Amino acid sequence: MIPSDLMPFWLTLGRPLTRLLFAMCIGLLIANIVEALRWTQPLARLSAPLVRLARLREAAGASFSMAFFSPAAANALLQTAYDDLGAL
């Protein structure tokens, strides 16, 4: 039970911060599952029309799809592609 003098602090900072952390954890969990199951390439093919319209490469398409779940995972995909290919 939260003491009454800490209730305003909890309502203004604690609850929103808890909701934000929960949402981030769910996003990272989904991103890890998608990456572990190697679904990044099929997702890239799914977003291929939009990626072609923007004239981006395939690695950017996978990163674009992953960014909906986790921006950090999308950045990691871009960094890996940059390290492998040398440039995007």
N, C-alpha and C. Protein backbone atom coordinates (compact mmCIF):
# COMPACT_ATOMS: atom_id res chain seq x y z
N MET A 1 0.85 -1.18 0.00
CA MET A 1 0.00 0.00 0.00
C MET A 1 0.89 1.23 0.00
N ILE A 2 0.55 2.21 -0.80
CA ILE A 2 1.34 3.44 -0.94
C ILE A 2 0.86 4.45 0.09
N PRO A 3 1.79 5.01 0.90
CA PRO A 3 1.39 6.04 1.89
C PRO A 3 0.77 7.24 1.18
N SER A 4 -0.11 7.95 1.89
CA SER A 4 -0.87 9.05 1.29
C SER A 4 0.02 10.22 0.86
N ASP A 5 1.15 10.43 1.53
CA ASP A 5 2.02 11.54 1.13
C ASP A 5 2.80 11.23 -0.16
N LEU A 6 2.92 9.96 -0.52
CA LEU A 6 3.60 9.58 -1.77
C LEU A 6 2.63 9.39 -2.93
N MET A 7 1.34 9.46 -2.68
CA MET A 7 0.36 9.22 -3.73
C MET A 7 0.48 10.21 -4.89
N PRO A 8 0.63 11.53 -4.67
CA PRO A 8 0.78 12.43 -5.82
C PRO A 8 2.02 12.11 -6.65
N PHE A 9 3.09 11.75 -5.98
CA PHE A 9 4.32 11.38 -6.67
C PHE A 9 4.10 10.14 -7.53
N TRP A 10 3.38 9.17 -6.99
CA TRP A 10 3.10 7.94 -7.72
C TRP A 10 2.22 8.23 -8.93
N LEU A 11 1.19 9.05 -8.76
CA LEU A 11 0.26 9.32 -9.85
C LEU A 11 0.89 10.14 -10.96
N THR A 12 1.78 11.07 -10.61
CA THR A 12 2.37 11.93 -11.63
C THR A 12 3.61 11.35 -12.29
N LEU A 13 4.35 10.54 -11.57
CA LEU A 13 5.60 10.01 -12.13
C LEU A 13 5.64 8.49 -12.15
N GLY A 14 5.22 7.86 -11.08
CA GLY A 14 5.35 6.41 -10.96
C GLY A 14 4.54 5.62 -11.96
N ARG A 15 3.25 5.93 -12.08
CA ARG A 15 2.40 5.19 -13.00
C ARG A 15 2.81 5.39 -14.46
N PRO A 16 3.02 6.63 -14.92
CA PRO A 16 3.44 6.78 -16.33
C PRO A 16 4.79 6.11 -16.62
N LEU A 17 5.71 6.20 -15.69
CA LEU A 17 7.02 5.58 -15.89
C LEU A 17 6.90 4.06 -15.94
N THR A 18 6.05 3.50 -15.09
CA THR A 18 5.83 2.06 -15.09
C THR A 18 5.19 1.61 -16.40
N ARG A 19 4.21 2.36 -16.89
CA ARG A 19 3.56 2.03 -18.16
C ARG A 19 4.56 2.11 -19.32
N LEU A 20 5.41 3.13 -19.30
CA LEU A 20 6.41 3.29 -20.35
C LEU A 20 7.41 2.13 -20.34
N LEU A 21 7.89 1.76 -19.17
CA LEU A 21 8.84 0.65 -19.07
C LEU A 21 8.20 -0.66 -19.50
N PHE A 22 6.94 -0.85 -19.14
CA PHE A 22 6.24 -2.07 -19.54
C PHE A 22 6.12 -2.12 -21.07
N ALA A 23 5.74 -1.02 -21.69
CA ALA A 23 5.61 -0.98 -23.15
C ALA A 23 6.96 -1.22 -23.83
N MET A 24 8.02 -0.66 -23.29
CA MET A 24 9.35 -0.88 -23.87
C MET A 24 9.77 -2.35 -23.74
N CYS A 25 9.46 -2.96 -22.62
CA CYS A 25 9.80 -4.37 -22.43
C CYS A 25 9.05 -5.26 -23.41
N ILE A 26 7.77 -4.97 -23.62
CA ILE A 26 6.99 -5.75 -24.58
C ILE A 26 7.54 -5.57 -26.00
N GLY A 27 7.88 -4.33 -26.36
CA GLY A 27 8.45 -4.08 -27.69
C GLY A 27 9.77 -4.79 -27.90
N LEU A 28 10.63 -4.76 -26.90
CA LEU A 28 11.91 -5.47 -27.01
C LEU A 28 11.73 -6.98 -27.06
N LEU A 29 10.75 -7.48 -26.32
CA LEU A 29 10.48 -8.92 -26.36
C LEU A 29 10.02 -9.34 -27.75
N ILE A 30 9.10 -8.59 -28.33
CA ILE A 30 8.62 -8.90 -29.68
C ILE A 30 9.77 -8.78 -30.69
N ALA A 31 10.59 -7.75 -30.55
CA ALA A 31 11.72 -7.57 -31.47
C ALA A 31 12.71 -8.73 -31.35
N ASN A 32 12.98 -9.19 -30.15
CA ASN A 32 13.89 -10.32 -29.97
C ASN A 32 13.31 -11.60 -30.56
N ILE A 33 12.01 -11.80 -30.40
CA ILE A 33 11.39 -12.98 -30.98
C ILE A 33 11.45 -12.93 -32.50
N VAL A 34 11.14 -11.78 -33.07
CA VAL A 34 11.18 -11.62 -34.53
C VAL A 34 12.59 -11.85 -35.05
N GLU A 35 13.58 -11.33 -34.35
CA GLU A 35 14.96 -11.50 -34.80
C GLU A 35 15.45 -12.93 -34.58
N ALA A 36 15.07 -13.56 -33.48
CA ALA A 36 15.51 -14.93 -33.20
C ALA A 36 14.90 -15.93 -34.18
N LEU A 37 13.68 -15.68 -34.59
CA LEU A 37 13.03 -16.58 -35.54
C LEU A 37 13.39 -16.24 -36.99
N ARG A 38 14.25 -15.26 -37.16
CA ARG A 38 14.72 -14.83 -38.48
C ARG A 38 13.56 -14.40 -39.38
N TRP A 39 12.65 -13.63 -38.80
CA TRP A 39 11.53 -13.10 -39.56
C TRP A 39 11.82 -11.73 -40.13
N THR A 40 13.04 -11.24 -39.97
CA THR A 40 13.35 -9.89 -40.45
C THR A 40 13.31 -9.81 -41.97
N GLN A 41 13.80 -10.82 -42.67
CA GLN A 41 13.78 -10.78 -44.13
C GLN A 41 12.36 -10.89 -44.68
N PRO A 42 11.52 -11.80 -44.16
CA PRO A 42 10.12 -11.80 -44.65
C PRO A 42 9.41 -10.47 -44.36
N LEU A 43 9.69 -9.87 -43.22
CA LEU A 43 9.10 -8.56 -42.93
C LEU A 43 9.63 -7.50 -43.88
N ALA A 44 10.89 -7.63 -44.25
CA ALA A 44 11.46 -6.68 -45.21
C ALA A 44 10.79 -6.84 -46.57
N ARG A 45 10.50 -8.07 -46.96
CA ARG A 45 9.81 -8.29 -48.23
C ARG A 45 8.38 -7.75 -48.17
N LEU A 46 7.77 -7.83 -47.01
CA LEU A 46 6.43 -7.30 -46.83
C LEU A 46 6.40 -5.79 -47.00
N SER A 47 7.44 -5.14 -46.51
CA SER A 47 7.50 -3.68 -46.63
C SER A 47 8.26 -3.23 -47.88
N ALA A 48 8.58 -4.17 -48.75
CA ALA A 48 9.38 -3.86 -49.95
C ALA A 48 8.77 -2.79 -50.85
N PRO A 49 7.46 -2.79 -51.08
CA PRO A 49 6.93 -1.73 -51.96
C PRO A 49 7.19 -0.32 -51.41
N LEU A 50 7.03 -0.15 -50.13
CA LEU A 50 7.29 1.16 -49.53
C LEU A 50 8.77 1.49 -49.55
N VAL A 51 9.61 0.48 -49.34
CA VAL A 51 11.06 0.69 -49.35
C VAL A 51 11.53 1.04 -50.77
N ARG A 52 10.96 0.35 -51.78
CA ARG A 52 11.32 0.67 -53.16
C ARG A 52 10.87 2.08 -53.53
N LEU A 53 9.70 2.45 -53.05
CA LEU A 53 9.20 3.80 -53.31
C LEU A 53 10.15 4.85 -52.73
N ALA A 54 10.75 4.54 -51.58
CA ALA A 54 11.69 5.45 -50.95
C ALA A 54 13.11 5.26 -51.47
N ARG A 55 13.32 4.26 -52.34
CA ARG A 55 14.63 3.96 -52.92
C ARG A 55 15.69 3.62 -51.86
N LEU A 56 15.30 2.75 -50.94
CA LEU A 56 16.20 2.28 -49.89
C LEU A 56 16.67 0.87 -50.22
N ARG A 57 17.71 0.41 -49.53
CA ARG A 57 18.21 -0.95 -49.73
C ARG A 57 17.42 -1.94 -48.88
N GLU A 58 17.67 -3.25 -49.12
CA GLU A 58 16.93 -4.30 -48.42
C GLU A 58 17.19 -4.28 -46.92
N ALA A 59 18.41 -3.99 -46.51
CA ALA A 59 18.72 -3.92 -45.08
C ALA A 59 17.93 -2.81 -44.41
N ALA A 60 17.72 -1.73 -45.14
CA ALA A 60 16.92 -0.64 -44.59
C ALA A 60 15.46 -1.06 -44.47
N GLY A 61 15.00 -1.93 -45.36
CA GLY A 61 13.63 -2.43 -45.27
C GLY A 61 13.42 -3.28 -44.04
N ALA A 62 14.38 -4.14 -43.73
CA ALA A 62 14.28 -4.95 -42.52
C ALA A 62 14.31 -4.05 -41.29
N SER A 63 15.16 -3.07 -41.32
CA SER A 63 15.23 -2.14 -40.20
C SER A 63 13.95 -1.33 -40.06
N PHE A 64 13.37 -0.93 -41.19
CA PHE A 64 12.12 -0.19 -41.18
C PHE A 64 11.01 -1.00 -40.53
N SER A 65 10.93 -2.29 -40.87
CA SER A 65 9.91 -3.15 -40.28
C SER A 65 10.15 -3.36 -38.79
N MET A 66 11.39 -3.52 -38.41
CA MET A 66 11.73 -3.75 -37.01
C MET A 66 11.50 -2.51 -36.16
N ALA A 67 11.60 -1.35 -36.75
CA ALA A 67 11.45 -0.11 -35.98
C ALA A 67 10.05 0.04 -35.40
N PHE A 68 9.06 -0.63 -35.96
CA PHE A 68 7.72 -0.58 -35.38
C PHE A 68 7.68 -1.27 -34.03
N PHE A 69 8.53 -2.28 -33.82
CA PHE A 69 8.56 -3.00 -32.57
C PHE A 69 9.59 -2.43 -31.61
N SER A 70 10.80 -2.15 -32.12
CA SER A 70 11.86 -1.66 -31.25
C SER A 70 12.86 -0.83 -32.06
N PRO A 71 12.94 0.46 -31.78
CA PRO A 71 13.93 1.29 -32.46
C PRO A 71 15.37 0.86 -32.20
N ALA A 72 15.62 0.36 -31.00
CA ALA A 72 16.98 -0.08 -30.67
C ALA A 72 17.38 -1.29 -31.52
N ALA A 73 16.45 -2.22 -31.71
CA ALA A 73 16.74 -3.38 -32.56
C ALA A 73 16.91 -2.97 -34.01
N ALA A 74 16.14 -1.98 -34.46
CA ALA A 74 16.29 -1.48 -35.83
C ALA A 74 17.66 -0.85 -36.02
N ASN A 75 18.11 -0.09 -35.05
CA ASN A 75 19.45 0.50 -35.14
C ASN A 75 20.52 -0.57 -35.14
N ALA A 76 20.32 -1.63 -34.37
CA ALA A 76 21.30 -2.72 -34.36
C ALA A 76 21.36 -3.41 -35.72
N LEU A 77 20.20 -3.59 -36.37
CA LEU A 77 20.19 -4.18 -37.71
C LEU A 77 20.93 -3.30 -38.70
N LEU A 78 20.71 -2.00 -38.62
CA LEU A 78 21.41 -1.09 -39.52
C LEU A 78 22.92 -1.12 -39.28
N GLN A 79 23.32 -1.18 -38.02
CA GLN A 79 24.75 -1.22 -37.70
C GLN A 79 25.38 -2.51 -38.21
N THR A 80 24.68 -3.63 -38.05
CA THR A 80 25.19 -4.91 -38.55
C THR A 80 25.33 -4.88 -40.07
N ALA A 81 24.32 -4.34 -40.75
CA ALA A 81 24.39 -4.24 -42.21
C ALA A 81 25.52 -3.32 -42.63
N TYR A 82 25.74 -2.25 -41.91
CA TYR A 82 26.82 -1.33 -42.24
C TYR A 82 28.17 -2.02 -42.04
N ASP A 83 28.31 -2.80 -40.95
CA ASP A 83 29.56 -3.50 -40.71
C ASP A 83 29.81 -4.57 -41.77
N ASP A 84 28.76 -5.26 -42.22
CA ASP A 84 28.90 -6.31 -43.23
C ASP A 84 29.14 -5.77 -44.63
N LEU A 85 28.37 -4.75 -45.00
CA LEU A 85 28.43 -4.24 -46.37
C LEU A 85 29.41 -3.09 -46.54
N GLY A 86 29.76 -2.44 -45.46
CA GLY A 86 30.65 -1.30 -45.55
C GLY A 86 29.93 0.02 -45.65
N ALA A 87 28.81 0.03 -46.33
CA ALA A 87 28.00 1.24 -46.45
C ALA A 87 26.61 0.86 -46.89
N LEU A 88 25.67 1.66 -46.50
CA LEU A 88 24.28 1.38 -46.89
C LEU A 88 23.88 2.30 -47.99
